[in-house]
Amino acid sequence: KKLSLLSFWTKCCSPAGVYHSSADRMIKQLEASFARTVNRDYPGLADPVFRTLVSQILDRAEPLLSSSLSSEVVTVFQYYSYFTSHGVSDLESYLNQLAKQVSMVHTLQSLRDEKLLQAMSDLAPGSLPAQQEVLRTLALLLTGDDSEVREAVTLYLTAASRNEHFREKALLYYCEALTKTDLQLQKAACLALRSLEATESIKMLVTLCQSDTEEIRNVASETLLSLGEDGRLAYEQLDKFPRDCVKVGGRHGTEVATAF
């Protein structure tokens, strides 16, 4: 039904099989077909854009490393499912959209102080997609030293979370980030969940309140206390019961689900 996507997939496959391709082969074909177009409008971004695309097709949190490209397998089912779920029919147009998003993420990661604040202030709610690298970048900005930038990011996340799709994706990513060993990312995820007013994350925050790291315990506790009555009641139970016994939902007797 989508001939341009079928044509590109065919180029990625070897004669031995049409149902799968290596990530390395797909990226090389993207380079051959679209590198000139992407680099014309976004100089130097073709490679990170292609890696981002293949990572997203594989549902990976981070762009793929060069060392793993040849061993990663992309199936036709993953390929078809990704583009169908994103409503994509023309690959070149979609790559231009993705390049714009990657460019914005790079900008937010590289700017400092007033320029970063200006870039955040200029963003309309929903102008950034709920993609993992975007969500990670926004959360990490919440841990920075500039209070005005932190406030701008908080306002952006709060406004963007009114979009149901964005909020769902953000909840999944930030709740998963709470389970990582990266302490900076855990802290950032707590702050982001606070911006989202994510009562769905209460159970996971309760677990984090018993972390071995004092800073993480503190930020998780502060996030719990920011989540209304349910968060406050869950926090008050921390010293009274083992964490597995802490009930979420307070006097109403209802349990708030996590994002999983």
Foldseek 3Di string as FASTA:
>chain_A
DQVQLLVLLVQQDDPVDSFKHFQVSSLVSCCVPPVVVLCVVVNPCSNVLSQLVSCVLVPHLDRDDPVCRRVHMHGPVSSVVVCVVVVDRHPNVVSNVSSVQVVLLVVCVPDDDPVNLVSLVPDDQPPHALGNSVLQSLLLQCVDDDPSNVVSSLVNLLRNCVPVVSVLSSLVNLLVQCPDPPVSSVLSSLSSCLSNLPLQSLLSLLVQLPDPDPVSVVSSLVSLVSNPPQSVQLSVCSVVDPSVPRAGDPPVRDGRHGSD
